[in-house]
Every structure is written in C-alpha cells, then in structure tokens.
Amino acid sequence: MQCIVLAGGLGTRMRPLTETCPKTLLPVCGRPFAYHQLHWLAAQGVTEVVYCVGHKGQLIREYWDREPPAIPSIRYVDEGDHLRGTGGAIRLALEYGVLEESFFVIYGDSFLPVEFTPIWHAFQSSAKPALMTVLRNEGRWDRSNAIYDDGRVVLYDKNANAAMHYIDYGLSVFRRDLFGQIPDKVFDLSTLFHDLSLQGNLAGFEVHQRFYEIGSPGGLDDLEQHLAALAPSTIYQPN
C-alpha cells in the first residue's frame, strides 16, 4: 500500500520551533515525530511513502538518509517555496508520476491509531473515487464538519452547522485518476471533499479511536502522554 504524507506546511501554530524545523520532525518522546508516524504506517502494511514537502523539506530527506527507514520505499515531491495547498501537492505528485492507482493520504502531523485494512477494503467496495474516515465528534476535539450516513459522507463543509456530528479524522483514500480530472494546480483537499460530497461521490468509514496531532502545543502534549502510557510492544499497533 502507498501512503502520501502531506508535510509541506509552515506549521505556524508551532512557531518558533517550526522556523528552523519542519513540523513532522518535532521531537515526541525523544524522537522526531516522523519516526513514530512511519513505524506506525509500516505496522499497518504501508510499503511506500511519498512525502509532499515544502517548508524545510530538505531536513526530512536528510533525516531519513541517516535513520534506518521504517518503510521500504520513501520518495519525495517538493513544492519548494510556492505551496500549492494540500490538494495541489497531490496534483503535483501526479505530475511527478509517483502515484499508485489508489493510495492513502495522511497529514505529516497526525498519529491515527486505527487499522488500515478495513478502510482499504471499504474504499474498494464503495466504487467511489474517494473515501474519508470520520469520527463521531460532537464538538469534542474540534468543530464537527461532516454529515455521515451508512458508508457515505453526505456533506463535508468546514463551516459547521448543528446537523454535523462527525469530524474528518485525517486519513483518506483516493483513486489516482480523480486528480487527473482537476485542472487547478493550487487547491485544498477541503474544497475537493466538499464538492465530492455534494456529488454523492465521497465514501465514508467511521472510526472510533480519538486522533492525535502535533499541530498545536496541546496536541503534542496529548500524544506524548498517549505514547508514554503504552507498552513498547504496542506503540505501533491500533487500539
């Protein structure tokens, strides 16, 4: 399985740390976050990672040149200083010719303790061009942004309303040809998700484990506590 890791952002909420370090390399429990993320991906059967990098992206390359890789194949797509948005980064990966026919997408600051295989099977059986994992949120972790019903995201919209009880979990699956149909080179996945939901083309998969992220100081503290509480043999296994 292939997984695209979106790691090109500026990480503004974690400044000043991210002024000299890409967010995905911030230390968590004594190691760069990327170490934990890619070992977890490997435990879920991912065999290739494509990093979409931008801000301080060379440091990510240098880290995995030094560190024994957790994944058999690591490739890079570099946006440079002109960031294209989360969707545009994947569109650039298509132009680089590195996308498999279908692939996972995750953010470079997310640690999501779920099993990949059921999500992959749900995507394949959905016959949809994209799948979003969702968590019943009820406003606990952030603003809910999705209406989910029986295997489909009926509506995704960043402008939350009272009918929304689910939140985008941060792990998705796409068919490669979807990005070949998009002429825009600069766009966010949120726009694509919204359009797909209105078209009835966004499959959904409900997960039940909370998500962790290092995009904020509080999120980083929560992840450190979560990893510290686990036995070493279970850190990279789903709950």
Protein backbone atom coordinates (compact mmCIF):
# COMPACT_ATOMS: atom_id res chain seq x y z
CA MET A 1 0.00 0.00 0.00
CA GLN A 2 1.11 3.53 -0.76
CA CYS A 3 0.56 6.49 1.57
CA ILE A 4 1.03 10.16 0.70
CA VAL A 5 2.26 12.20 3.68
CA LEU A 6 1.42 15.89 3.40
CA ALA A 7 4.35 17.57 5.15
CA GLY A 8 4.90 20.84 3.31
CA GLY A 9 3.11 23.33 5.56
CA LEU A 10 4.65 26.14 7.57
CA GLY A 11 3.40 24.91 10.97
CA THR A 12 2.57 28.41 12.12
CA ARG A 13 0.87 27.32 15.36
CA MET A 14 4.11 25.68 16.49
CA ARG A 15 6.37 28.65 15.97
CA PRO A 16 9.13 29.41 16.88
CA LEU A 17 10.00 25.67 16.79
CA THR A 18 8.95 25.33 13.15
CA GLU A 19 11.00 28.31 11.98
CA THR A 20 14.03 26.01 11.85
CA CYS A 21 12.42 22.54 11.80
CA PRO A 22 9.57 21.08 9.71
CA LYS A 23 6.64 20.16 11.91
CA THR A 24 6.90 16.45 11.16
CA LEU A 25 10.39 16.38 12.72
CA LEU A 26 9.41 17.98 16.03
CA PRO A 27 10.54 15.78 18.95
CA VAL A 28 7.99 13.46 20.55
CA CYS A 29 9.09 11.14 23.36
CA GLY A 30 12.73 11.66 22.44
CA ARG A 31 12.45 11.01 18.68
CA PRO A 32 11.27 13.06 15.68
CA PHE A 33 7.53 12.66 15.15
CA ALA A 34 8.21 11.22 11.67
CA TYR A 35 9.86 8.20 13.32
CA HIS A 36 6.65 7.35 15.20
CA GLN A 37 4.41 8.06 12.23
CA LEU A 38 6.28 5.93 9.69
CA HIS A 39 6.76 3.00 12.07
CA TRP A 40 3.02 3.08 12.66
CA LEU A 41 2.36 3.18 8.91
CA ALA A 42 4.69 0.22 8.41
CA ALA A 43 2.80 -1.75 11.07
CA GLN A 44 -0.38 -1.18 9.05
CA GLY A 45 1.09 -2.65 5.88
CA VAL A 46 2.22 0.51 4.09
CA THR A 47 5.15 -0.31 1.81
CA GLU A 48 5.75 3.07 0.19
CA VAL A 49 5.55 6.63 1.49
CA VAL A 50 5.56 9.69 -0.75
CA TYR A 51 6.40 12.82 1.21
CA CYS A 52 4.93 16.01 -0.22
CA VAL A 53 7.38 18.52 1.22
CA GLY A 54 7.89 22.27 1.09
CA HIS A 55 8.96 24.24 4.15
CA LYS A 56 12.34 22.87 5.35
CA GLY A 57 11.71 19.76 3.26
CA GLN A 58 15.40 19.03 2.81
CA LEU A 59 15.65 18.31 6.54
CA ILE A 60 13.12 15.47 6.15
CA ARG A 61 15.22 13.94 3.38
CA GLU A 62 18.36 14.25 5.47
CA TYR A 63 16.69 12.64 8.47
CA TRP A 64 15.62 9.53 6.54
CA ASP A 65 19.02 9.36 4.87
CA ARG A 66 20.54 8.96 8.35
CA GLU A 67 17.83 6.91 10.05
CA PRO A 68 17.22 3.27 9.09
CA PRO A 69 13.97 3.57 7.13
CA ALA A 70 10.78 2.22 8.63
CA ILE A 71 9.24 1.86 5.15
CA PRO A 72 10.90 0.00 2.22
CA SER A 73 10.40 2.92 -0.19
CA ILE A 74 10.38 6.66 0.60
CA ARG A 75 10.00 9.17 -2.21
CA TYR A 76 9.67 12.95 -2.27
CA VAL A 77 7.66 15.56 -4.14
CA ASP A 78 8.97 19.07 -3.42
CA GLU A 79 6.73 22.13 -3.71
CA GLY A 80 9.59 24.46 -2.90
CA ASP A 81 8.64 27.88 -1.57
CA HIS A 82 5.41 28.14 -3.58
CA LEU A 83 2.99 25.94 -1.67
CA ARG A 84 0.04 24.64 -3.68
CA GLY A 85 -2.29 23.63 -0.86
CA THR A 86 -3.00 20.08 0.27
CA GLY A 87 -4.81 19.14 -2.93
CA GLY A 88 -2.28 20.88 -5.15
CA ALA A 89 0.52 18.92 -3.50
CA ILE A 90 -1.12 15.65 -4.56
CA ARG A 91 -1.76 17.08 -8.03
CA LEU A 92 2.00 17.76 -8.21
CA ALA A 93 2.71 14.16 -7.17
CA LEU A 94 0.56 13.08 -10.11
CA GLU A 95 2.68 15.24 -12.40
CA TYR A 96 5.80 13.61 -10.94
CA GLY A 97 4.34 10.22 -11.92
CA VAL A 98 4.70 8.73 -8.44
CA LEU A 99 1.06 7.93 -7.55
CA GLU A 100 -0.24 4.38 -7.46
CA GLU A 101 -3.69 3.66 -8.88
CA SER A 102 -5.13 4.07 -5.36
CA PHE A 103 -3.44 5.44 -2.25
CA PHE A 104 -3.89 6.65 1.32
CA VAL A 105 -3.34 10.27 2.33
CA ILE A 106 -2.38 11.46 5.81
CA TYR A 107 -1.08 14.71 7.23
CA GLY A 108 2.51 14.95 8.39
CA ASP A 109 1.44 15.90 11.91
CA SER A 110 -1.20 13.17 12.51
CA PHE A 111 -0.95 9.99 14.56
CA LEU A 112 -4.09 7.92 14.00
CA PRO A 113 -4.25 4.60 15.88
CA VAL A 114 -6.59 2.68 13.57
CA GLU A 115 -6.36 -0.36 11.32
CA PHE A 116 -5.81 0.38 7.64
CA THR A 117 -7.00 -2.88 6.13
CA PRO A 118 -10.76 -2.45 6.84
CA ILE A 119 -10.57 1.11 5.48
CA TRP A 120 -8.87 -0.11 2.30
CA HIS A 121 -11.49 -2.81 1.77
CA ALA A 122 -14.32 -0.34 2.37
CA PHE A 123 -12.86 2.00 -0.24
CA GLN A 124 -12.51 -0.77 -2.81
CA SER A 125 -16.08 -1.94 -2.30
CA SER A 126 -17.53 1.58 -2.38
CA ALA A 127 -16.88 2.19 -6.12
CA LYS A 128 -16.31 5.85 -5.22
CA PRO A 129 -13.26 7.91 -6.23
CA ALA A 130 -12.50 8.92 -2.64
CA LEU A 131 -13.11 7.86 0.95
CA MET A 132 -12.93 9.94 4.12
CA THR A 133 -12.57 8.42 7.58
CA VAL A 134 -14.80 10.13 10.13
CA LEU A 135 -15.12 10.17 13.91
CA ARG A 136 -18.32 10.94 15.83
CA ASN A 137 -17.04 14.10 17.40
CA GLU A 138 -19.92 16.07 18.94
CA GLY A 139 -17.57 19.05 19.21
CA ARG A 140 -15.08 17.28 21.50
CA TRP A 141 -11.81 17.66 19.59
CA ASP A 142 -12.59 20.44 17.12
CA ARG A 143 -15.60 21.72 15.21
CA SER A 144 -17.58 18.92 13.58
CA ASN A 145 -17.57 19.28 9.80
CA ALA A 146 -19.32 16.26 8.28
CA ILE A 147 -22.67 14.53 7.99
CA TYR A 148 -22.15 10.78 7.72
CA ASP A 149 -24.72 8.11 6.99
CA ASP A 150 -24.33 4.42 6.20
CA GLY A 151 -20.97 4.40 4.47
CA ARG A 152 -21.21 7.80 2.80
CA VAL A 153 -20.24 11.34 3.72
CA VAL A 154 -23.45 13.11 2.77
CA LEU A 155 -21.93 16.54 3.34
CA TYR A 156 -18.49 17.83 4.22
CA ASP A 157 -18.22 21.52 4.98
CA LYS A 158 -15.68 23.42 7.07
CA ASN A 159 -18.50 25.81 8.01
CA ALA A 160 -20.04 23.66 10.72
CA ASN A 161 -23.76 23.61 11.47
CA ALA A 162 -25.95 21.98 14.10
CA ALA A 163 -26.65 18.93 11.90
CA MET A 164 -22.98 17.95 11.85
CA HIS A 165 -21.84 15.40 14.44
CA TYR A 166 -18.79 13.92 12.69
CA ILE A 167 -15.30 15.24 12.00
CA ASP A 168 -12.78 14.44 9.27
CA TYR A 169 -10.38 12.03 11.00
CA GLY A 170 -7.43 12.93 8.79
CA LEU A 171 -6.97 9.68 6.86
CA SER A 172 -8.39 9.34 3.36
CA VAL A 173 -8.11 7.16 0.27
CA PHE A 174 -8.19 8.32 -3.36
CA ARG A 175 -8.12 6.98 -6.87
CA ARG A 176 -5.30 8.49 -8.89
CA ASP A 177 -7.46 9.37 -11.90
CA LEU A 178 -9.52 11.77 -9.76
CA PHE A 179 -6.58 14.19 -9.65
CA GLY A 180 -6.08 13.90 -13.39
CA GLN A 181 -9.55 15.43 -13.82
CA ILE A 182 -8.70 18.55 -11.78
CA PRO A 183 -7.19 21.40 -13.84
CA ASP A 184 -6.32 23.55 -10.82
CA LYS A 185 -2.75 23.33 -9.57
CA VAL A 186 -3.40 25.19 -6.32
CA PHE A 187 -6.28 23.98 -4.11
CA ASP A 188 -7.05 22.41 -0.75
CA LEU A 189 -8.44 18.95 -0.13
CA SER A 190 -11.27 20.55 1.87
CA THR A 191 -12.63 22.03 -1.36
CA LEU A 192 -12.38 18.69 -3.14
CA PHE A 193 -14.07 16.86 -0.25
CA HIS A 194 -16.91 19.39 -0.23
CA ASP A 195 -17.50 19.04 -3.97
CA LEU A 196 -17.35 15.23 -3.86
CA SER A 197 -19.86 15.10 -1.00
CA LEU A 198 -22.32 17.27 -2.94
CA GLN A 199 -21.93 14.96 -5.95
CA GLY A 200 -22.57 11.84 -3.86
CA ASN A 201 -19.04 10.63 -4.62
CA LEU A 202 -17.44 10.62 -1.16
CA ALA A 203 -17.46 7.29 0.63
CA GLY A 204 -17.11 7.28 4.42
CA PHE A 205 -15.71 4.98 7.06
CA GLU A 206 -16.45 5.54 10.73
CA VAL A 207 -13.61 5.03 13.21
CA HIS A 208 -13.90 5.07 16.99
CA GLN A 209 -10.43 5.92 18.29
CA ARG A 210 -9.56 9.54 19.01
CA PHE A 211 -6.95 11.17 16.80
CA TYR A 212 -3.65 12.68 17.90
CA GLU A 213 -1.73 15.51 16.27
CA ILE A 214 1.28 17.72 16.86
CA GLY A 215 -0.10 20.81 15.14
CA SER A 216 -0.53 22.60 18.47
CA PRO A 217 1.30 22.55 21.81
CA GLY A 218 -1.69 20.88 23.48
CA GLY A 219 -1.90 18.24 20.78
CA LEU A 220 1.79 17.43 21.13
CA ASP A 221 1.41 17.04 24.90
CA ASP A 222 -1.56 14.67 24.42
CA LEU A 223 0.39 12.47 22.01
CA GLU A 224 3.41 12.29 24.30
CA GLN A 225 1.16 11.17 27.16
CA HIS A 226 -0.53 8.60 24.91
CA LEU A 227 2.74 7.07 23.70
CA ALA A 228 4.32 7.15 27.16
CA ALA A 229 1.37 5.19 28.57
CA LEU A 230 1.72 2.36 26.05
CA ALA A 231 3.93 -0.67 26.44
CA PRO A 232 6.81 -0.55 23.91
CA SER A 233 5.48 -3.60 22.04
CA THR A 234 2.08 -1.96 21.48
CA ILE A 235 3.04 1.58 20.43
CA TYR A 236 2.66 0.94 16.73
CA GLN A 237 -0.41 -1.27 16.94
CA PRO A 238 -4.01 0.06 16.64
CA ASN A 239 -6.17 0.29 19.76
